[in-house]
């Protein structure tokens, strides 16, 4: 099937851009009905980064800012159908995985995502409201099926502890956990330090060439809803735009810091990411 052309209208004339020149990224993740995390914040992030974001719905959640009140799976065969439909038409530059719920869904995603396309693995396991989003068999499947495919994986401290079995209580143990992810097959890892008392707000990036600390402004917020999703999808966006992995992480860190700085208190006592912080810093009624 020939690639389609996309028409972008300007005020003066029509400009036709061949689809092969566009940057596309796909999030394979769960839906968040509050739009603070999951597929919804992934799409916002990709759009804000200048990428055409697409989705493969891997799970459904009923949630608001304070609680996840329901979780439903998507038939595993339908994961493949969604990827197949996208691959038939679009030159995907990067895939990003998020909430995959269980081993069956992890396996379906690993089988469907082309091995030649860059992959960012966000091992979503527990929500900020502490709801379990991946069962134990799913954890094993992420280790055996997703990490060996990952161009980069983006665990927070809790996820890094769960998967590696290493209690992260110091900088050295954080480095040991990062090494574990490389040993598990990931080409690179960024262990996020947002909750680390010993290295607060500083992320540890590691690949075969060594370790780098990635820093930005440290902000007085914690447990911002959707921060991990936003970070991983920003990395995927920059990879789709052509950035090497490390440079994509550096740019994503800057982007996410802005989205946290201008985060929104969208329900009492809870803040969520604001991927459109460069355009909208408030969402107040006009009339």
C-alpha atoms as a PDB file:
ATOM      1  CA  UNK A   1       0.000   0.000   0.000  1.00  0.00           C
ATOM      2  CA  UNK A   2       1.473   3.417  -0.931  1.00  0.00           C
ATOM      3  CA  UNK A   3       2.037   5.855   1.891  1.00  0.00           C
ATOM      4  CA  UNK A   4      -0.585   8.572   2.033  1.00  0.00           C
ATOM      5  CA  UNK A   5       0.174  12.280   1.944  1.00  0.00           C
ATOM      6  CA  UNK A   6      -0.961  14.617   4.694  1.00  0.00           C
ATOM      7  CA  UNK A   7      -2.217  18.096   3.836  1.00  0.00           C
ATOM      8  CA  UNK A   8      -1.368  20.815   6.329  1.00  0.00           C
ATOM      9  CA  UNK A   9      -3.179  24.117   5.790  1.00  0.00           C
ATOM     10  CA  UNK A  10      -1.445  27.417   6.403  1.00  0.00           C
ATOM     11  CA  UNK A  11      -2.917  30.909   6.165  1.00  0.00           C
ATOM     12  CA  UNK A  12      -1.348  31.466   2.742  1.00  0.00           C
ATOM     13  CA  UNK A  13      -1.430  28.165   0.906  1.00  0.00           C
ATOM     14  CA  UNK A  14      -1.553  24.418   1.155  1.00  0.00           C
ATOM     15  CA  UNK A  15       1.614  22.532   2.007  1.00  0.00           C
ATOM     16  CA  UNK A  16       1.751  18.820   1.302  1.00  0.00           C
ATOM     17  CA  UNK A  17       4.033  16.764   3.508  1.00  0.00           C
ATOM     18  CA  UNK A  18       4.730  13.170   2.612  1.00  0.00           C
ATOM     19  CA  UNK A  19       3.863  10.894   5.502  1.00  0.00           C
ATOM     20  CA  UNK A  20       7.331   9.307   5.457  1.00  0.00           C
ATOM     21  CA  UNK A  21       8.731  12.664   6.596  1.00  0.00           C
ATOM     22  CA  UNK A  22       6.456  12.853   9.645  1.00  0.00           C
ATOM     23  CA  UNK A  23       7.429  11.637  13.112  1.00  0.00           C
ATOM     24  CA  UNK A  24       5.067   8.977  14.503  1.00  0.00           C
ATOM     25  CA  UNK A  25       5.142   7.353  17.938  1.00  0.00           C
ATOM     26  CA  UNK A  26       2.811   4.741  19.415  1.00  0.00           C
ATOM     27  CA  UNK A  27       1.866   4.212  23.055  1.00  0.00           C
ATOM     28  CA  UNK A  28       0.835   0.667  23.996  1.00  0.00           C
ATOM     29  CA  UNK A  29      -0.731   1.235  27.401  1.00  0.00           C
ATOM     30  CA  UNK A  30      -3.847   1.570  29.511  1.00  0.00           C
ATOM     31  CA  UNK A  31      -6.568   4.201  29.316  1.00  0.00           C
ATOM     32  CA  UNK A  32      -6.927   6.604  32.266  1.00  0.00           C
ATOM     33  CA  UNK A  33     -10.440   8.036  32.422  1.00  0.00           C
ATOM     34  CA  UNK A  34      -9.166  11.091  34.338  1.00  0.00           C
ATOM     35  CA  UNK A  35      -6.699  11.787  31.486  1.00  0.00           C
ATOM     36  CA  UNK A  36      -3.932  12.397  34.018  1.00  0.00           C
ATOM     37  CA  UNK A  37      -1.831   9.385  33.039  1.00  0.00           C
ATOM     38  CA  UNK A  38      -1.814   6.452  30.635  1.00  0.00           C
ATOM     39  CA  UNK A  39      -2.677   6.781  26.972  1.00  0.00           C
ATOM     40  CA  UNK A  40      -4.259  10.179  27.433  1.00  0.00           C
ATOM     41  CA  UNK A  41      -1.177  11.876  28.884  1.00  0.00           C
ATOM     42  CA  UNK A  42       1.008   9.997  26.387  1.00  0.00           C
ATOM     43  CA  UNK A  43      -0.902  11.525  23.483  1.00  0.00           C
ATOM     44  CA  UNK A  44      -0.741  14.997  25.031  1.00  0.00           C
ATOM     45  CA  UNK A  45       3.001  14.610  25.529  1.00  0.00           C
ATOM     46  CA  UNK A  46       3.671  13.355  22.017  1.00  0.00           C
ATOM     47  CA  UNK A  47       1.664  16.215  20.526  1.00  0.00           C
ATOM     48  CA  UNK A  48       3.481  18.779  22.670  1.00  0.00           C
ATOM     49  CA  UNK A  49       6.837  17.319  21.551  1.00  0.00           C
ATOM     50  CA  UNK A  50       5.877  17.710  17.896  1.00  0.00           C
ATOM     51  CA  UNK A  51       5.125  14.058  17.166  1.00  0.00           C
ATOM     52  CA  UNK A  52       1.954  12.468  15.789  1.00  0.00           C
ATOM     53  CA  UNK A  53       0.975  10.192  18.650  1.00  0.00           C
ATOM     54  CA  UNK A  54      -1.000   6.977  18.180  1.00  0.00           C
ATOM     55  CA  UNK A  55      -2.339   4.370  20.567  1.00  0.00           C
ATOM     56  CA  UNK A  56      -2.734   0.666  21.102  1.00  0.00           C
ATOM     57  CA  UNK A  57      -5.239   0.240  23.932  1.00  0.00           C
ATOM     58  CA  UNK A  58      -3.892  -2.503  26.203  1.00  0.00           C
ATOM     59  CA  UNK A  59      -6.120  -2.029  29.276  1.00  0.00           C
ATOM     60  CA  UNK A  60      -9.003   0.060  30.593  1.00  0.00           C
ATOM     61  CA  UNK A  61      -9.163   1.752  33.974  1.00  0.00           C
ATOM     62  CA  UNK A  62     -11.890   3.613  35.812  1.00  0.00           C
ATOM     63  CA  UNK A  63     -10.098   6.217  37.896  1.00  0.00           C
ATOM     64  CA  UNK A  64     -10.015   9.762  39.130  1.00  0.00           C
ATOM     65  CA  UNK A  65      -7.324  11.767  40.856  1.00  0.00           C
ATOM     66  CA  UNK A  66      -7.513   9.765  44.083  1.00  0.00           C
ATOM     67  CA  UNK A  67      -8.289   6.151  43.221  1.00  0.00           C
ATOM     68  CA  UNK A  68      -8.443   3.430  40.594  1.00  0.00           C
ATOM     69  CA  UNK A  69     -11.922   1.945  40.990  1.00  0.00           C
ATOM     70  CA  UNK A  70     -11.868  -0.600  38.190  1.00  0.00           C
ATOM     71  CA  UNK A  71      -9.542  -2.329  35.725  1.00  0.00           C
ATOM     72  CA  UNK A  72     -10.517  -4.326  32.645  1.00  0.00           C
ATOM     73  CA  UNK A  73      -8.295  -6.109  30.156  1.00  0.00           C
ATOM     74  CA  UNK A  74      -8.341  -6.004  26.372  1.00  0.00           C
ATOM     75  CA  UNK A  75      -8.400  -9.324  24.476  1.00  0.00           C
ATOM     76  CA  UNK A  76      -4.791 -10.209  23.676  1.00  0.00           C
ATOM     77  CA  UNK A  77      -5.500 -10.833  19.988  1.00  0.00           C
ATOM     78  CA  UNK A  78      -6.793  -7.279  19.702  1.00  0.00           C
ATOM     79  CA  UNK A  79      -3.408  -5.889  20.771  1.00  0.00           C
ATOM     80  CA  UNK A  80      -1.967  -7.426  17.632  1.00  0.00           C
ATOM     81  CA  UNK A  81      -4.850  -6.209  15.480  1.00  0.00           C
ATOM     82  CA  UNK A  82      -4.231  -2.615  16.545  1.00  0.00           C
ATOM     83  CA  UNK A  83      -0.485  -2.799  15.847  1.00  0.00           C
ATOM     84  CA  UNK A  84      -1.141  -4.502  12.509  1.00  0.00           C
ATOM     85  CA  UNK A  85      -3.509  -1.718  11.443  1.00  0.00           C
ATOM     86  CA  UNK A  86      -0.961   0.988  12.271  1.00  0.00           C
ATOM     87  CA  UNK A  87       1.965  -0.814  10.667  1.00  0.00           C
ATOM     88  CA  UNK A  88      -0.009  -1.214   7.428  1.00  0.00           C
ATOM     89  CA  UNK A  89      -0.198   2.543   6.967  1.00  0.00           C
ATOM     90  CA  UNK A  90       2.345   4.500   9.016  1.00  0.00           C
ATOM     91  CA  UNK A  91       6.165   4.611   9.323  1.00  0.00           C
ATOM     92  CA  UNK A  92       6.314   4.309  13.116  1.00  0.00           C
ATOM     93  CA  UNK A  93       9.445   5.867  14.602  1.00  0.00           C
ATOM     94  CA  UNK A  94       9.142   4.504  18.148  1.00  0.00           C
ATOM     95  CA  UNK A  95       6.868   2.414  20.361  1.00  0.00           C
ATOM     96  CA  UNK A  96       6.386   3.006  24.076  1.00  0.00           C
ATOM     97  CA  UNK A  97       4.787   0.504  26.439  1.00  0.00           C
ATOM     98  CA  UNK A  98       3.104   1.394  29.712  1.00  0.00           C
ATOM     99  CA  UNK A  99       0.437  -0.433  31.695  1.00  0.00           C
ATOM    100  CA  UNK A 100       0.168  -3.990  30.315  1.00  0.00           C
ATOM    101  CA  UNK A 101      -1.807  -5.528  33.204  1.00  0.00           C
ATOM    102  CA  UNK A 102      -0.867  -9.212  32.912  1.00  0.00           C
ATOM    103  CA  UNK A 103       1.415 -11.776  31.275  1.00  0.00           C
ATOM    104  CA  UNK A 104      -0.973 -12.445  28.392  1.00  0.00           C
ATOM    105  CA  UNK A 105      -1.035  -8.770  27.430  1.00  0.00           C
ATOM    106  CA  UNK A 106       2.741  -8.431  27.824  1.00  0.00           C
ATOM    107  CA  UNK A 107       3.244 -11.441  25.541  1.00  0.00           C
ATOM    108  CA  UNK A 108       0.815 -10.074  22.953  1.00  0.00           C
ATOM    109  CA  UNK A 109       2.557  -6.685  22.916  1.00  0.00           C
ATOM    110  CA  UNK A 110       6.023  -8.234  22.674  1.00  0.00           C
ATOM    111  CA  UNK A 111       4.906 -10.376  19.739  1.00  0.00           C
ATOM    112  CA  UNK A 112       3.144  -7.566  17.904  1.00  0.00           C
ATOM    113  CA  UNK A 113       5.675  -4.721  18.165  1.00  0.00           C
ATOM    114  CA  UNK A 114       8.180  -4.996  15.291  1.00  0.00           C
ATOM    115  CA  UNK A 115      11.662  -5.918  16.451  1.00  0.00           C
ATOM    116  CA  UNK A 116      13.220  -3.376  14.094  1.00  0.00           C
ATOM    117  CA  UNK A 117      11.438  -0.362  15.638  1.00  0.00           C
ATOM    118  CA  UNK A 118      12.879   1.416  18.707  1.00  0.00           C
ATOM    119  CA  UNK A 119      11.074   0.551  21.933  1.00  0.00           C
ATOM    120  CA  UNK A 120      10.772   2.427  25.237  1.00  0.00           C
ATOM    121  CA  UNK A 121       9.596   0.153  28.061  1.00  0.00           C
ATOM    122  CA  UNK A 122       7.962   1.879  31.027  1.00  0.00           C
ATOM    123  CA  UNK A 123       7.374  -1.016  33.457  1.00  0.00           C
ATOM    124  CA  UNK A 124       4.179   0.355  35.005  1.00  0.00           C
ATOM    125  CA  UNK A 125       3.332  -1.724  38.048  1.00  0.00           C
ATOM    126  CA  UNK A 126       1.625   0.423  40.681  1.00  0.00           C
ATOM    127  CA  UNK A 127      -0.360   3.652  40.322  1.00  0.00           C
ATOM    128  CA  UNK A 128       0.410   6.746  42.405  1.00  0.00           C
ATOM    129  CA  UNK A 129      -2.738   5.867  44.374  1.00  0.00           C
ATOM    130  CA  UNK A 130      -1.069   2.474  45.072  1.00  0.00           C
ATOM    131  CA  UNK A 131      -3.412   0.371  42.911  1.00  0.00           C
ATOM    132  CA  UNK A 132      -1.737  -2.724  41.461  1.00  0.00           C
ATOM    133  CA  UNK A 133      -1.527  -2.419  37.639  1.00  0.00           C
ATOM    134  CA  UNK A 134       0.578  -5.502  36.774  1.00  0.00           C
ATOM    135  CA  UNK A 135       0.228  -8.964  38.269  1.00  0.00           C
ATOM    136  CA  UNK A 136       3.176 -11.136  39.357  1.00  0.00           C
ATOM    137  CA  UNK A 137       3.143 -13.273  36.213  1.00  0.00           C
ATOM    138  CA  UNK A 138       3.160 -10.033  34.255  1.00  0.00           C
ATOM    139  CA  UNK A 139       6.324  -8.947  36.098  1.00  0.00           C
ATOM    140  CA  UNK A 140       8.071 -12.133  34.986  1.00  0.00           C
ATOM    141  CA  UNK A 141       6.866 -11.574  31.422  1.00  0.00           C
ATOM    142  CA  UNK A 142       8.193  -7.997  31.402  1.00  0.00           C
ATOM    143  CA  UNK A 143      11.593  -9.322  32.514  1.00  0.00           C
ATOM    144  CA  UNK A 144      11.735 -12.155  29.978  1.00  0.00           C
ATOM    145  CA  UNK A 145       9.923 -10.607  27.001  1.00  0.00           C
ATOM    146  CA  UNK A 146      10.063  -6.804  27.157  1.00  0.00           C
ATOM    147  CA  UNK A 147      13.402  -5.881  28.734  1.00  0.00           C
ATOM    148  CA  UNK A 148      15.456  -7.811  26.126  1.00  0.00           C
ATOM    149  CA  UNK A 149      13.604  -5.785  23.463  1.00  0.00           C
ATOM    150  CA  UNK A 150      14.020  -2.398  25.127  1.00  0.00           C
ATOM    151  CA  UNK A 151      16.179   0.312  23.629  1.00  0.00           C
ATOM    152  CA  UNK A 152      15.607   1.954  26.998  1.00  0.00           C
ATOM    153  CA  UNK A 153      13.521   1.187  30.072  1.00  0.00           C
ATOM    154  CA  UNK A 154      12.340   3.818  32.557  1.00  0.00           C
ATOM    155  CA  UNK A 155      11.608   2.353  36.019  1.00  0.00           C
ATOM    156  CA  UNK A 156      10.995   4.504  39.050  1.00  0.00           C
ATOM    157  CA  UNK A 157      12.607   3.425  42.316  1.00  0.00           C
ATOM    158  CA  UNK A 158       9.721   1.188  43.366  1.00  0.00           C
ATOM    159  CA  UNK A 159       9.560  -0.546  39.969  1.00  0.00           C
ATOM    160  CA  UNK A 160      13.332  -0.968  39.921  1.00  0.00           C
ATOM    161  CA  UNK A 161      13.182  -2.612  43.354  1.00  0.00           C
ATOM    162  CA  UNK A 162      10.303  -4.932  42.412  1.00  0.00           C
ATOM    163  CA  UNK A 163      11.899  -6.132  39.190  1.00  0.00           C
ATOM    164  CA  UNK A 164      15.557  -6.336  40.263  1.00  0.00           C
ATOM    165  CA  UNK A 165      14.979  -7.560  43.809  1.00  0.00           C
ATOM    166  CA  UNK A 166      17.471  -4.931  45.005  1.00  0.00           C
ATOM    167  CA  UNK A 167      16.396  -2.660  47.862  1.00  0.00           C
ATOM    168  CA  UNK A 168      17.461   0.810  46.737  1.00  0.00           C
ATOM    169  CA  UNK A 169      18.579   2.717  49.812  1.00  0.00           C
ATOM    170  CA  UNK A 170      21.701   4.431  48.505  1.00  0.00           C
ATOM    171  CA  UNK A 171      23.372   5.727  45.371  1.00  0.00           C
ATOM    172  CA  UNK A 172      25.437   2.547  45.059  1.00  0.00           C
ATOM    173  CA  UNK A 173      22.370   0.322  45.244  1.00  0.00           C
ATOM    174  CA  UNK A 174      20.649   2.505  42.648  1.00  0.00           C
ATOM    175  CA  UNK A 175      23.622   1.869  40.362  1.00  0.00           C
ATOM    176  CA  UNK A 176      23.443  -1.872  41.081  1.00  0.00           C
ATOM    177  CA  UNK A 177      19.773  -1.884  40.091  1.00  0.00           C
ATOM    178  CA  UNK A 178      20.594  -0.069  36.850  1.00  0.00           C
ATOM    179  CA  UNK A 179      23.242  -2.697  36.086  1.00  0.00           C
ATOM    180  CA  UNK A 180      20.638  -5.401  36.664  1.00  0.00           C
ATOM    181  CA  UNK A 181      18.433  -3.954  33.893  1.00  0.00           C
ATOM    182  CA  UNK A 182      21.324  -4.004  31.441  1.00  0.00           C
ATOM    183  CA  UNK A 183      22.096  -7.594  32.432  1.00  0.00           C
ATOM    184  CA  UNK A 184      18.403  -8.405  31.801  1.00  0.00           C
ATOM    185  CA  UNK A 185      18.856  -7.278  28.194  1.00  0.00           C
ATOM    186  CA  UNK A 186      17.842  -3.613  28.044  1.00  0.00           C
ATOM    187  CA  UNK A 187      20.216  -1.519  25.912  1.00  0.00           C
ATOM    188  CA  UNK A 188      19.844   1.432  28.286  1.00  0.00           C
ATOM    189  CA  UNK A 189      18.024   2.320  31.495  1.00  0.00           C
ATOM    190  CA  UNK A 190      17.072   5.499  33.291  1.00  0.00           C
ATOM    191  CA  UNK A 191      16.249   4.861  36.954  1.00  0.00           C
ATOM    192  CA  UNK A 192      14.176   7.845  38.015  1.00  0.00           C
ATOM    193  CA  UNK A 193      15.207   9.480  41.270  1.00  0.00           C
ATOM    194  CA  UNK A 194      12.099  11.534  41.926  1.00  0.00           C
ATOM    195  CA  UNK A 195      11.428   9.803  45.244  1.00  0.00           C
ATOM    196  CA  UNK A 196      15.016   9.169  46.347  1.00  0.00           C
ATOM    197  CA  UNK A 197      15.923  10.945  49.559  1.00  0.00           C
ATOM    198  CA  UNK A 198      19.612  10.312  48.826  1.00  0.00           C
ATOM    199  CA  UNK A 199      19.434  11.608  45.229  1.00  0.00           C
ATOM    200  CA  UNK A 200      16.167  13.514  45.015  1.00  0.00           C
ATOM    201  CA  UNK A 201      15.049  14.481  41.524  1.00  0.00           C
ATOM    202  CA  UNK A 202      18.246  13.193  39.898  1.00  0.00           C
ATOM    203  CA  UNK A 203      17.910  10.351  37.396  1.00  0.00           C
ATOM    204  CA  UNK A 204      20.544   7.711  36.731  1.00  0.00           C
ATOM    205  CA  UNK A 205      21.117   6.874  33.066  1.00  0.00           C
ATOM    206  CA  UNK A 206      23.205   3.831  32.183  1.00  0.00           C
ATOM    207  CA  UNK A 207      24.130   2.033  28.982  1.00  0.00           C
ATOM    208  CA  UNK A 208      27.078  -0.044  27.771  1.00  0.00           C
ATOM    209  CA  UNK A 209      29.253   3.086  27.739  1.00  0.00           C
ATOM    210  CA  UNK A 210      28.749   3.851  31.411  1.00  0.00           C
ATOM    211  CA  UNK A 211      26.658   5.929  33.792  1.00  0.00           C
ATOM    212  CA  UNK A 212      25.486   9.546  33.727  1.00  0.00           C
ATOM    213  CA  UNK A 213      23.405  11.523  36.210  1.00  0.00           C
ATOM    214  CA  UNK A 214      20.674  13.603  34.587  1.00  0.00           C
ATOM    215  CA  UNK A 215      19.695  16.673  36.576  1.00  0.00           C
ATOM    216  CA  UNK A 216      17.282  19.560  36.250  1.00  0.00           C
ATOM    217  CA  UNK A 217      15.411  21.896  38.557  1.00  0.00           C
ATOM    218  CA  UNK A 218      14.291  20.136  41.743  1.00  0.00           C
ATOM    219  CA  UNK A 219      10.681  21.049  42.454  1.00  0.00           C
ATOM    220  CA  UNK A 220       8.698  20.906  45.729  1.00  0.00           C
ATOM    221  CA  UNK A 221       6.156  18.398  44.422  1.00  0.00           C
ATOM    222  CA  UNK A 222       5.909  14.640  44.894  1.00  0.00           C
ATOM    223  CA  UNK A 223       3.663  11.929  43.477  1.00  0.00           C
ATOM    224  CA  UNK A 224       2.558  13.931  40.454  1.00  0.00           C
ATOM    225  CA  UNK A 225      -0.021  11.830  38.627  1.00  0.00           C
ATOM    226  CA  UNK A 226       1.250  10.718  35.214  1.00  0.00           C
ATOM    227  CA  UNK A 227       4.876  11.799  35.598  1.00  0.00           C
ATOM    228  CA  UNK A 228       6.317   8.418  34.599  1.00  0.00           C
ATOM    229  CA  UNK A 229       4.024   8.115  31.578  1.00  0.00           C
ATOM    230  CA  UNK A 230       4.913  11.635  30.475  1.00  0.00           C
ATOM    231  CA  UNK A 231       8.663  10.998  30.808  1.00  0.00           C
ATOM    232  CA  UNK A 232       8.620   7.724  28.862  1.00  0.00           C
ATOM    233  CA  UNK A 233       6.421   9.096  26.086  1.00  0.00           C
ATOM    234  CA  UNK A 234       8.627  12.193  25.808  1.00  0.00           C
ATOM    235  CA  UNK A 235      11.655   9.913  25.368  1.00  0.00           C
ATOM    236  CA  UNK A 236       9.756   7.954  22.706  1.00  0.00           C
ATOM    237  CA  UNK A 237       8.817  11.208  20.987  1.00  0.00           C
ATOM    238  CA  UNK A 238      12.387  12.448  20.766  1.00  0.00           C
ATOM    239  CA  UNK A 239      13.562   9.064  19.495  1.00  0.00           C
ATOM    240  CA  UNK A 240      10.840   9.237  16.814  1.00  0.00           C
ATOM    241  CA  UNK A 241      12.143  12.702  15.919  1.00  0.00           C
ATOM    242  CA  UNK A 242      15.565  11.187  15.298  1.00  0.00           C
ATOM    243  CA  UNK A 243      17.439  11.833  18.545  1.00  0.00           C
ATOM    244  CA  UNK A 244      19.872   9.152  19.800  1.00  0.00           C
ATOM    245  CA  UNK A 245      18.623   7.530  23.003  1.00  0.00           C
ATOM    246  CA  UNK A 246      20.777   9.454  25.484  1.00  0.00           C
ATOM    247  CA  UNK A 247      19.987  12.810  23.870  1.00  0.00           C
ATOM    248  CA  UNK A 248      16.295  11.853  23.845  1.00  0.00           C
ATOM    249  CA  UNK A 249      16.448  11.279  27.618  1.00  0.00           C
ATOM    250  CA  UNK A 250      18.147  14.636  28.211  1.00  0.00           C
ATOM    251  CA  UNK A 251      15.502  16.482  26.174  1.00  0.00           C
ATOM    252  CA  UNK A 252      12.701  14.510  27.835  1.00  0.00           C
ATOM    253  CA  UNK A 253      14.025  15.421  31.291  1.00  0.00           C
ATOM    254  CA  UNK A 254      13.815  19.133  30.401  1.00  0.00           C
ATOM    255  CA  UNK A 255      10.292  18.668  29.046  1.00  0.00           C
ATOM    256  CA  UNK A 256       9.067  16.712  32.066  1.00  0.00           C
ATOM    257  CA  UNK A 257      10.546  19.232  34.502  1.00  0.00           C
ATOM    258  CA  UNK A 258       8.411  21.917  32.840  1.00  0.00           C
ATOM    259  CA  UNK A 259       5.332  19.676  32.938  1.00  0.00           C
ATOM    260  CA  UNK A 260       5.875  19.147  36.679  1.00  0.00           C
ATOM    261  CA  UNK A 261       6.644  22.809  37.374  1.00  0.00           C
ATOM    262  CA  UNK A 262       3.341  23.824  35.771  1.00  0.00           C
ATOM    263  CA  UNK A 263       1.416  20.758  36.939  1.00  0.00           C
ATOM    264  CA  UNK A 264      -2.284  21.184  37.633  1.00  0.00           C
ATOM    265  CA  UNK A 265      -4.187  20.532  40.854  1.00  0.00           C
ATOM    266  CA  UNK A 266      -7.036  18.866  39.016  1.00  0.00           C
ATOM    267  CA  UNK A 267      -8.728  17.543  42.134  1.00  0.00           C
ATOM    268  CA  UNK A 268      -8.356  18.399  45.790  1.00  0.00           C
ATOM    269  CA  UNK A 269      -4.870  17.653  47.008  1.00  0.00           C
ATOM    270  CA  UNK A 270      -3.674  15.936  43.807  1.00  0.00           C
ATOM    271  CA  UNK A 271      -1.618  17.319  40.980  1.00  0.00           C
ATOM    272  CA  UNK A 272      -1.247  15.933  37.471  1.00  0.00           C
ATOM    273  CA  UNK A 273       1.224  16.589  34.687  1.00  0.00           C
ATOM    274  CA  UNK A 274       0.709  19.469  32.286  1.00  0.00           C
ATOM    275  CA  UNK A 275       2.309  18.402  28.973  1.00  0.00           C
ATOM    276  CA  UNK A 276       1.045  21.586  27.326  1.00  0.00           C
ATOM    277  CA  UNK A 277       2.900  23.794  29.819  1.00  0.00           C
ATOM    278  CA  UNK A 278       4.528  25.768  27.007  1.00  0.00           C
ATOM    279  CA  UNK A 279       1.067  26.831  25.787  1.00  0.00           C
ATOM    280  CA  UNK A 280      -1.335  26.569  28.756  1.00  0.00           C
ATOM    281  CA  UNK A 281      -0.227  27.101  32.336  1.00  0.00           C
ATOM    282  CA  UNK A 282      -3.786  27.307  33.651  1.00  0.00           C
ATOM    283  CA  UNK A 283      -7.057  25.715  32.582  1.00  0.00           C
ATOM    284  CA  UNK A 284      -9.472  28.266  33.981  1.00  0.00           C
ATOM    285  CA  UNK A 285     -12.883  29.098  32.574  1.00  0.00           C
ATOM    286  CA  UNK A 286     -12.938  32.214  30.405  1.00  0.00           C
ATOM    287  CA  UNK A 287     -16.545  33.257  31.004  1.00  0.00           C
END
